Each structure stands twice: as structure tokens, then as C-alpha cells.
N, C-alpha and C. Protein backbone atom coordinates (compact mmCIF):
# COMPACT_ATOMS: atom_id res chain seq x y z
N MET A 1 52.34 -34.50 -66.38
CA MET A 1 51.71 -34.98 -67.58
C MET A 1 51.02 -33.81 -68.28
N THR A 2 51.13 -33.78 -69.57
CA THR A 2 50.52 -32.72 -70.37
C THR A 2 49.04 -33.03 -70.58
N ARG A 3 48.22 -32.03 -70.36
CA ARG A 3 46.79 -32.12 -70.65
C ARG A 3 46.55 -31.28 -71.89
N ALA A 4 45.86 -31.87 -72.88
CA ALA A 4 45.68 -31.17 -74.15
C ALA A 4 44.28 -31.37 -74.71
N VAL A 5 43.85 -30.38 -75.48
CA VAL A 5 42.64 -30.48 -76.27
C VAL A 5 43.10 -30.73 -77.71
N LEU A 6 42.66 -31.82 -78.29
CA LEU A 6 42.95 -32.14 -79.68
C LEU A 6 41.68 -31.90 -80.47
N ASP A 7 41.77 -31.14 -81.54
CA ASP A 7 40.55 -30.88 -82.29
C ASP A 7 40.12 -32.14 -83.05
N ALA A 8 38.92 -32.12 -83.57
CA ALA A 8 38.35 -33.30 -84.21
C ALA A 8 39.20 -33.79 -85.38
N SER A 9 39.79 -32.88 -86.14
CA SER A 9 40.58 -33.32 -87.29
C SER A 9 41.80 -34.12 -86.85
N VAL A 10 42.40 -33.75 -85.74
CA VAL A 10 43.56 -34.49 -85.23
C VAL A 10 43.11 -35.86 -84.73
N LEU A 11 42.02 -35.88 -83.97
CA LEU A 11 41.51 -37.16 -83.46
C LEU A 11 41.12 -38.09 -84.61
N LEU A 12 40.42 -37.55 -85.60
CA LEU A 12 40.00 -38.36 -86.74
C LEU A 12 41.21 -38.88 -87.53
N SER A 13 42.21 -38.05 -87.68
CA SER A 13 43.41 -38.46 -88.42
C SER A 13 44.10 -39.64 -87.76
N ALA A 14 43.97 -39.76 -86.46
CA ALA A 14 44.59 -40.88 -85.75
C ALA A 14 43.98 -42.22 -86.17
N THR A 15 42.75 -42.19 -86.68
CA THR A 15 42.11 -43.46 -87.07
C THR A 15 42.62 -43.99 -88.40
N VAL A 16 43.18 -43.12 -89.23
CA VAL A 16 43.63 -43.55 -90.56
C VAL A 16 45.10 -43.26 -90.83
N GLY A 17 45.77 -42.61 -89.89
CA GLY A 17 47.15 -42.21 -90.11
C GLY A 17 48.14 -43.35 -89.96
N ARG A 18 49.30 -43.14 -90.53
CA ARG A 18 50.40 -44.09 -90.34
C ARG A 18 50.75 -44.14 -88.85
N PRO A 19 51.32 -45.23 -88.39
CA PRO A 19 51.67 -45.33 -86.98
C PRO A 19 52.63 -44.24 -86.49
N ASP A 20 53.46 -43.69 -87.41
CA ASP A 20 54.40 -42.65 -87.01
C ASP A 20 53.88 -41.24 -87.30
N SER A 21 52.62 -41.13 -87.73
CA SER A 21 52.05 -39.80 -87.98
C SER A 21 51.81 -39.09 -86.64
N PRO A 22 51.88 -37.77 -86.62
CA PRO A 22 51.67 -37.04 -85.36
C PRO A 22 50.35 -37.38 -84.65
N PRO A 23 49.21 -37.47 -85.35
CA PRO A 23 47.99 -37.85 -84.63
C PRO A 23 48.09 -39.25 -84.00
N SER A 24 48.71 -40.18 -84.70
CA SER A 24 48.88 -41.53 -84.15
C SER A 24 49.82 -41.52 -82.95
N VAL A 25 50.87 -40.72 -83.03
CA VAL A 25 51.81 -40.60 -81.90
C VAL A 25 51.09 -40.05 -80.68
N LEU A 26 50.24 -39.04 -80.89
CA LEU A 26 49.46 -38.49 -79.77
C LEU A 26 48.48 -39.51 -79.21
N SER A 27 47.84 -40.25 -80.09
CA SER A 27 46.90 -41.29 -79.66
C SER A 27 47.63 -42.33 -78.81
N ASP A 28 48.80 -42.76 -79.25
CA ASP A 28 49.60 -43.72 -78.48
C ASP A 28 50.03 -43.13 -77.13
N ALA A 29 50.37 -41.85 -77.14
CA ALA A 29 50.78 -41.19 -75.89
C ALA A 29 49.62 -41.16 -74.89
N ALA A 30 48.41 -40.96 -75.38
CA ALA A 30 47.24 -40.97 -74.50
C ALA A 30 46.99 -42.38 -73.96
N ARG A 31 47.12 -43.36 -74.83
CA ARG A 31 46.92 -44.75 -74.38
C ARG A 31 47.92 -45.16 -73.31
N SER A 32 49.15 -44.66 -73.43
CA SER A 32 50.19 -45.04 -72.47
C SER A 32 50.24 -44.12 -71.24
N GLY A 33 49.37 -43.10 -71.21
CA GLY A 33 49.30 -42.23 -70.06
C GLY A 33 50.31 -41.10 -70.05
N ARG A 34 50.98 -40.83 -71.18
CA ARG A 34 51.95 -39.74 -71.22
C ARG A 34 51.28 -38.38 -71.41
N ILE A 35 50.07 -38.36 -71.98
CA ILE A 35 49.29 -37.13 -72.08
C ILE A 35 47.85 -37.43 -71.72
N GLU A 36 47.14 -36.40 -71.31
CA GLU A 36 45.71 -36.50 -71.07
C GLU A 36 45.00 -35.71 -72.17
N ILE A 37 43.98 -36.30 -72.74
CA ILE A 37 43.18 -35.63 -73.75
C ILE A 37 41.88 -35.19 -73.10
N VAL A 38 41.52 -33.93 -73.27
CA VAL A 38 40.28 -33.39 -72.72
C VAL A 38 39.24 -33.36 -73.83
N VAL A 39 38.03 -33.83 -73.52
CA VAL A 39 36.93 -33.80 -74.49
C VAL A 39 35.67 -33.27 -73.82
N CYS A 40 34.76 -32.81 -74.65
CA CYS A 40 33.42 -32.46 -74.21
C CYS A 40 32.44 -33.10 -75.19
N ASP A 41 31.15 -33.05 -74.87
CA ASP A 41 30.16 -33.68 -75.74
C ASP A 41 30.21 -33.12 -77.16
N GLN A 42 30.41 -31.82 -77.31
CA GLN A 42 30.45 -31.22 -78.64
C GLN A 42 31.61 -31.79 -79.46
N LEU A 43 32.76 -31.95 -78.84
CA LEU A 43 33.92 -32.50 -79.54
C LEU A 43 33.69 -33.97 -79.90
N LEU A 44 33.13 -34.74 -78.98
CA LEU A 44 32.83 -36.14 -79.26
C LEU A 44 31.81 -36.26 -80.39
N ASP A 45 30.81 -35.38 -80.41
CA ASP A 45 29.82 -35.38 -81.50
C ASP A 45 30.48 -35.07 -82.83
N GLU A 46 31.40 -34.12 -82.82
CA GLU A 46 32.11 -33.75 -84.04
C GLU A 46 32.94 -34.94 -84.57
N VAL A 47 33.58 -35.66 -83.67
CA VAL A 47 34.36 -36.84 -84.06
C VAL A 47 33.42 -37.91 -84.62
N HIS A 48 32.31 -38.14 -83.94
CA HIS A 48 31.36 -39.15 -84.40
C HIS A 48 30.81 -38.80 -85.79
N ARG A 49 30.43 -37.54 -85.99
CA ARG A 49 29.94 -37.12 -87.32
C ARG A 49 31.01 -37.32 -88.38
N GLY A 50 32.25 -36.99 -88.05
CA GLY A 50 33.34 -37.18 -89.00
C GLY A 50 33.53 -38.64 -89.38
N LEU A 51 33.47 -39.51 -88.38
CA LEU A 51 33.62 -40.94 -88.64
C LEU A 51 32.50 -41.50 -89.52
N MET A 52 31.35 -40.86 -89.48
CA MET A 52 30.21 -41.32 -90.27
C MET A 52 30.22 -40.74 -91.68
N GLY A 53 31.12 -39.81 -91.96
CA GLY A 53 31.21 -39.22 -93.29
C GLY A 53 31.80 -40.19 -94.30
N PRO A 54 31.63 -39.90 -95.59
CA PRO A 54 32.07 -40.83 -96.63
C PRO A 54 33.57 -41.15 -96.61
N TYR A 55 34.42 -40.18 -96.30
CA TYR A 55 35.86 -40.44 -96.29
C TYR A 55 36.20 -41.54 -95.29
N PHE A 56 35.71 -41.40 -94.06
CA PHE A 56 36.06 -42.38 -93.02
C PHE A 56 35.27 -43.68 -93.17
N ARG A 57 34.05 -43.62 -93.70
CA ARG A 57 33.28 -44.85 -93.92
C ARG A 57 33.98 -45.76 -94.93
N GLN A 58 34.74 -45.17 -95.85
CA GLN A 58 35.48 -45.96 -96.83
C GLN A 58 36.76 -46.54 -96.25
N ARG A 59 37.25 -45.97 -95.16
CA ARG A 59 38.56 -46.36 -94.64
C ARG A 59 38.53 -47.02 -93.27
N VAL A 60 37.44 -46.87 -92.53
CA VAL A 60 37.35 -47.37 -91.17
C VAL A 60 36.08 -48.23 -91.06
N THR A 61 36.23 -49.43 -90.57
CA THR A 61 35.07 -50.32 -90.43
C THR A 61 34.16 -49.84 -89.30
N ASP A 62 32.94 -50.34 -89.29
CA ASP A 62 32.00 -50.01 -88.21
C ASP A 62 32.59 -50.40 -86.86
N GLN A 63 33.20 -51.56 -86.81
CA GLN A 63 33.80 -52.04 -85.57
C GLN A 63 34.94 -51.12 -85.12
N GLU A 64 35.78 -50.67 -86.05
CA GLU A 64 36.87 -49.76 -85.72
C GLU A 64 36.34 -48.41 -85.25
N ARG A 65 35.27 -47.92 -85.85
CA ARG A 65 34.67 -46.65 -85.42
C ARG A 65 34.18 -46.74 -83.99
N VAL A 66 33.44 -47.80 -83.70
CA VAL A 66 32.92 -47.99 -82.34
C VAL A 66 34.06 -48.12 -81.34
N ALA A 67 35.08 -48.89 -81.71
CA ALA A 67 36.23 -49.09 -80.82
C ALA A 67 36.96 -47.77 -80.56
N PHE A 68 37.13 -46.95 -81.60
CA PHE A 68 37.84 -45.68 -81.43
C PHE A 68 37.07 -44.75 -80.50
N VAL A 69 35.77 -44.59 -80.73
CA VAL A 69 34.97 -43.70 -79.88
C VAL A 69 34.94 -44.22 -78.45
N SER A 70 34.83 -45.53 -78.27
CA SER A 70 34.84 -46.12 -76.92
C SER A 70 36.17 -45.87 -76.22
N LEU A 71 37.27 -46.06 -76.95
CA LEU A 71 38.59 -45.83 -76.38
C LEU A 71 38.78 -44.35 -76.02
N LEU A 72 38.39 -43.48 -76.93
CA LEU A 72 38.50 -42.05 -76.68
C LEU A 72 37.70 -41.65 -75.44
N THR A 73 36.49 -42.15 -75.34
CA THR A 73 35.63 -41.83 -74.20
C THR A 73 36.23 -42.36 -72.90
N ALA A 74 36.83 -43.55 -72.96
CA ALA A 74 37.42 -44.15 -71.76
C ALA A 74 38.70 -43.44 -71.33
N LEU A 75 39.52 -43.02 -72.30
CA LEU A 75 40.81 -42.41 -71.98
C LEU A 75 40.73 -40.93 -71.64
N ALA A 76 39.79 -40.25 -72.24
CA ALA A 76 39.76 -38.79 -72.15
C ALA A 76 39.22 -38.29 -70.81
N VAL A 77 39.64 -37.08 -70.49
CA VAL A 77 39.13 -36.38 -69.33
C VAL A 77 37.88 -35.63 -69.79
N PRO A 78 36.70 -36.00 -69.26
CA PRO A 78 35.48 -35.32 -69.70
C PRO A 78 35.35 -33.93 -69.07
N ALA A 79 34.81 -33.02 -69.84
CA ALA A 79 34.58 -31.66 -69.35
C ALA A 79 33.26 -31.19 -69.95
N PRO A 80 32.59 -30.26 -69.28
CA PRO A 80 31.34 -29.73 -69.84
C PRO A 80 31.61 -28.96 -71.13
N THR A 81 30.64 -29.00 -72.03
CA THR A 81 30.74 -28.21 -73.26
C THR A 81 30.62 -26.74 -72.88
N PRO A 82 31.61 -25.94 -73.23
CA PRO A 82 31.58 -24.52 -72.86
C PRO A 82 30.67 -23.70 -73.77
N SER A 83 30.34 -22.52 -73.31
CA SER A 83 29.62 -21.53 -74.12
C SER A 83 30.58 -20.37 -74.34
N PRO A 84 31.40 -20.47 -75.37
CA PRO A 84 32.49 -19.51 -75.53
C PRO A 84 32.08 -18.19 -76.16
N ALA A 85 32.91 -17.20 -75.93
CA ALA A 85 32.81 -15.92 -76.63
C ALA A 85 33.52 -16.07 -77.97
N ARG A 86 33.32 -15.12 -78.85
CA ARG A 86 33.97 -15.13 -80.18
C ARG A 86 35.46 -14.90 -79.98
N ILE A 87 36.30 -15.87 -80.42
CA ILE A 87 37.74 -15.78 -80.23
C ILE A 87 38.49 -15.98 -81.54
N LEU A 88 38.19 -17.06 -82.23
CA LEU A 88 38.97 -17.46 -83.40
C LEU A 88 38.34 -16.98 -84.71
N ARG A 89 39.09 -17.12 -85.78
CA ARG A 89 38.56 -16.77 -87.10
C ARG A 89 37.37 -17.65 -87.46
N ASP A 90 37.44 -18.92 -87.08
CA ASP A 90 36.34 -19.84 -87.32
C ASP A 90 35.58 -20.00 -86.00
N PRO A 91 34.43 -19.34 -85.86
CA PRO A 91 33.73 -19.37 -84.59
C PRO A 91 33.28 -20.77 -84.16
N ARG A 92 33.25 -21.71 -85.10
CA ARG A 92 32.87 -23.08 -84.73
C ARG A 92 33.94 -23.74 -83.87
N ASP A 93 35.15 -23.18 -83.85
CA ASP A 93 36.24 -23.75 -83.04
C ASP A 93 36.47 -23.00 -81.73
N ASP A 94 35.71 -21.95 -81.48
CA ASP A 94 35.89 -21.18 -80.24
C ASP A 94 35.75 -22.05 -79.00
N TYR A 95 34.86 -23.02 -79.05
CA TYR A 95 34.64 -23.86 -77.87
C TYR A 95 35.90 -24.62 -77.47
N LEU A 96 36.80 -24.90 -78.43
CA LEU A 96 38.02 -25.62 -78.11
C LEU A 96 38.94 -24.81 -77.19
N VAL A 97 39.01 -23.52 -77.44
CA VAL A 97 39.83 -22.64 -76.58
C VAL A 97 39.22 -22.58 -75.19
N GLU A 98 37.92 -22.38 -75.13
CA GLU A 98 37.24 -22.30 -73.83
C GLU A 98 37.34 -23.64 -73.08
N LEU A 99 37.23 -24.74 -73.82
CA LEU A 99 37.38 -26.07 -73.22
C LEU A 99 38.77 -26.21 -72.60
N ALA A 100 39.79 -25.79 -73.33
CA ALA A 100 41.16 -25.87 -72.82
C ALA A 100 41.34 -25.04 -71.55
N VAL A 101 40.81 -23.83 -71.56
CA VAL A 101 40.93 -22.95 -70.39
C VAL A 101 40.20 -23.57 -69.20
N ASN A 102 38.95 -23.98 -69.40
CA ASN A 102 38.15 -24.52 -68.31
C ASN A 102 38.72 -25.81 -67.72
N ALA A 103 39.35 -26.63 -68.57
CA ALA A 103 39.88 -27.92 -68.12
C ALA A 103 41.33 -27.84 -67.68
N GLY A 104 41.93 -26.67 -67.77
CA GLY A 104 43.33 -26.54 -67.37
C GLY A 104 44.29 -27.21 -68.33
N ALA A 105 43.91 -27.31 -69.60
CA ALA A 105 44.79 -27.93 -70.60
C ALA A 105 45.96 -27.00 -70.88
N GLU A 106 47.11 -27.60 -71.12
CA GLU A 106 48.31 -26.83 -71.42
C GLU A 106 48.46 -26.55 -72.90
N ALA A 107 47.75 -27.30 -73.72
CA ALA A 107 47.93 -27.17 -75.16
C ALA A 107 46.64 -27.42 -75.91
N ILE A 108 46.56 -26.81 -77.09
CA ILE A 108 45.50 -27.07 -78.05
C ILE A 108 46.22 -27.53 -79.32
N VAL A 109 45.85 -28.71 -79.81
CA VAL A 109 46.49 -29.24 -81.01
C VAL A 109 45.44 -29.30 -82.10
N THR A 110 45.74 -28.69 -83.22
CA THR A 110 44.79 -28.61 -84.31
C THR A 110 45.47 -28.90 -85.64
N GLY A 111 44.70 -29.41 -86.57
CA GLY A 111 45.20 -29.61 -87.91
C GLY A 111 45.02 -28.38 -88.77
N ASP A 112 44.31 -27.37 -88.26
CA ASP A 112 44.05 -26.14 -88.99
C ASP A 112 45.15 -25.13 -88.66
N PRO A 113 46.00 -24.81 -89.62
CA PRO A 113 47.13 -23.91 -89.32
C PRO A 113 46.71 -22.49 -88.96
N ARG A 114 45.46 -22.11 -89.21
CA ARG A 114 45.03 -20.74 -88.91
C ARG A 114 44.48 -20.59 -87.50
N SER A 115 43.86 -21.61 -86.95
CA SER A 115 43.17 -21.48 -85.67
C SER A 115 44.04 -20.99 -84.53
N PRO A 116 45.18 -21.63 -84.25
CA PRO A 116 45.93 -21.22 -83.07
C PRO A 116 46.70 -19.93 -83.23
N ARG A 117 46.68 -19.34 -84.41
CA ARG A 117 47.42 -18.10 -84.60
C ARG A 117 46.69 -16.91 -84.00
N SER A 118 45.50 -17.14 -83.51
CA SER A 118 44.74 -16.07 -82.90
C SER A 118 45.47 -15.55 -81.66
N ARG A 119 45.67 -14.26 -81.60
CA ARG A 119 46.31 -13.67 -80.41
C ARG A 119 45.49 -13.94 -79.16
N ARG A 120 44.17 -13.90 -79.32
CA ARG A 120 43.32 -14.14 -78.15
C ARG A 120 43.44 -15.57 -77.64
N ALA A 121 43.60 -16.54 -78.55
CA ALA A 121 43.77 -17.93 -78.11
C ALA A 121 45.06 -18.06 -77.31
N ARG A 122 46.13 -17.46 -77.81
CA ARG A 122 47.39 -17.51 -77.06
C ARG A 122 47.30 -16.70 -75.78
N ALA A 123 46.54 -15.63 -75.81
CA ALA A 123 46.38 -14.81 -74.61
C ALA A 123 45.65 -15.57 -73.51
N ALA A 124 44.89 -16.59 -73.92
CA ALA A 124 44.20 -17.42 -72.93
C ALA A 124 45.19 -18.31 -72.19
N GLY A 125 46.48 -18.22 -72.56
CA GLY A 125 47.51 -18.94 -71.83
C GLY A 125 47.71 -20.37 -72.29
N ARG A 126 47.32 -20.69 -73.50
CA ARG A 126 47.44 -22.04 -74.00
C ARG A 126 48.49 -22.10 -75.11
N LYS A 127 49.34 -23.09 -75.05
CA LYS A 127 50.28 -23.33 -76.14
C LYS A 127 49.49 -23.96 -77.26
N CYS A 128 49.69 -23.47 -78.47
CA CYS A 128 48.94 -23.99 -79.61
C CYS A 128 49.90 -24.53 -80.64
N ALA A 129 49.69 -25.76 -81.05
CA ALA A 129 50.47 -26.33 -82.14
C ALA A 129 49.73 -26.00 -83.42
N SER A 130 50.33 -25.17 -84.25
CA SER A 130 49.64 -24.69 -85.44
C SER A 130 49.63 -25.71 -86.56
N ARG A 131 50.49 -26.68 -86.49
CA ARG A 131 50.50 -27.76 -87.47
C ARG A 131 50.56 -29.06 -86.71
N VAL A 132 49.86 -30.05 -87.21
CA VAL A 132 49.84 -31.33 -86.52
C VAL A 132 51.26 -31.85 -86.34
N SER A 133 52.13 -31.62 -87.32
CA SER A 133 53.51 -32.12 -87.20
C SER A 133 54.25 -31.45 -86.05
N GLY A 134 53.79 -30.29 -85.64
CA GLY A 134 54.43 -29.59 -84.54
C GLY A 134 54.05 -30.13 -83.18
N CYS A 135 53.17 -31.10 -83.14
CA CYS A 135 52.68 -31.58 -81.84
C CYS A 135 53.45 -32.78 -81.32
N ARG A 136 54.39 -33.29 -82.04
CA ARG A 136 55.13 -34.46 -81.57
C ARG A 136 55.73 -34.23 -80.18
N ARG A 137 56.22 -33.03 -79.94
CA ARG A 137 56.85 -32.76 -78.65
C ARG A 137 55.86 -32.88 -77.50
N ARG A 138 54.58 -32.70 -77.75
CA ARG A 138 53.55 -32.84 -76.71
C ARG A 138 53.45 -34.28 -76.25
N ALA A 139 53.74 -35.23 -77.15
CA ALA A 139 53.56 -36.64 -76.84
C ALA A 139 54.78 -37.27 -76.17
N ARG A 140 55.84 -36.53 -76.08
CA ARG A 140 57.07 -37.11 -75.53
C ARG A 140 57.14 -36.93 -74.03
């Protein structure tokens, strides 16, 4: 089974995406046990903050928000929030690489096409899907 770190944008997109969208496919794969999603408190906080923002408040009900966070917490493999070194262009995402390394994740899936292009992120031994559409193979 593939263990992966999905960044907050991918997780959030699963709440509003079409059923055949890559984030939704990954979410379904986690529900059915085909992949394991690794999370830490920082990632869960980022998802929660995103769900409370105006975009998602207009599209996702309070009940759906609570259900999504509860499901994510129940399905995901919890890991401690890492204290990473500077790795990526956006230092706010460095913890995702460290989380993947510490949890033994095989992949990092992000909606940001720039993040996984870091040589250091790939040098950490993690496969990175640079576009959400490129992650479908992770869910199969």
C-alpha cells in the first residue's frame, strides 16, 4: 500500500471536487484502504483553516466540514509535526517533506506545481506529483 503526504490544497480540493477529480480519487482510495494518508497537527490545522475560509464556507456546509475533518483524522496515519530545515522555495511547505521522510511516505502530492520540483525534496527519496492530475496513479 502506498503511504503519501497530501498537501492541504489537495485535501481541501477533495471536499469540492468532482467525483472523478484527482483529489476525490485519492480521497476514495484512502477510504477504501488502497493508500494511506499521513497527517500531522500542522497539516490538519491548515486544512481546518482552509475550510473556514470564505471559498469553502460558500461551498461546504458546517456539517460537511466537520464530517471531512473527522473522516480525515480517522483514516490518516498520525505523525508528529516535524521541525524541518529549509528545503523548498516556499518555506511554509518544508514540513511536508520532513513529514514524508519521518513517516516513511512514498509520495508527496501537491497542487503547487513548483513545490516538488525542488532537487532537495526529491533527494529526500520521495516521489513527488507536481500536478494534482499526475497523482491518479498513486490511487490505483
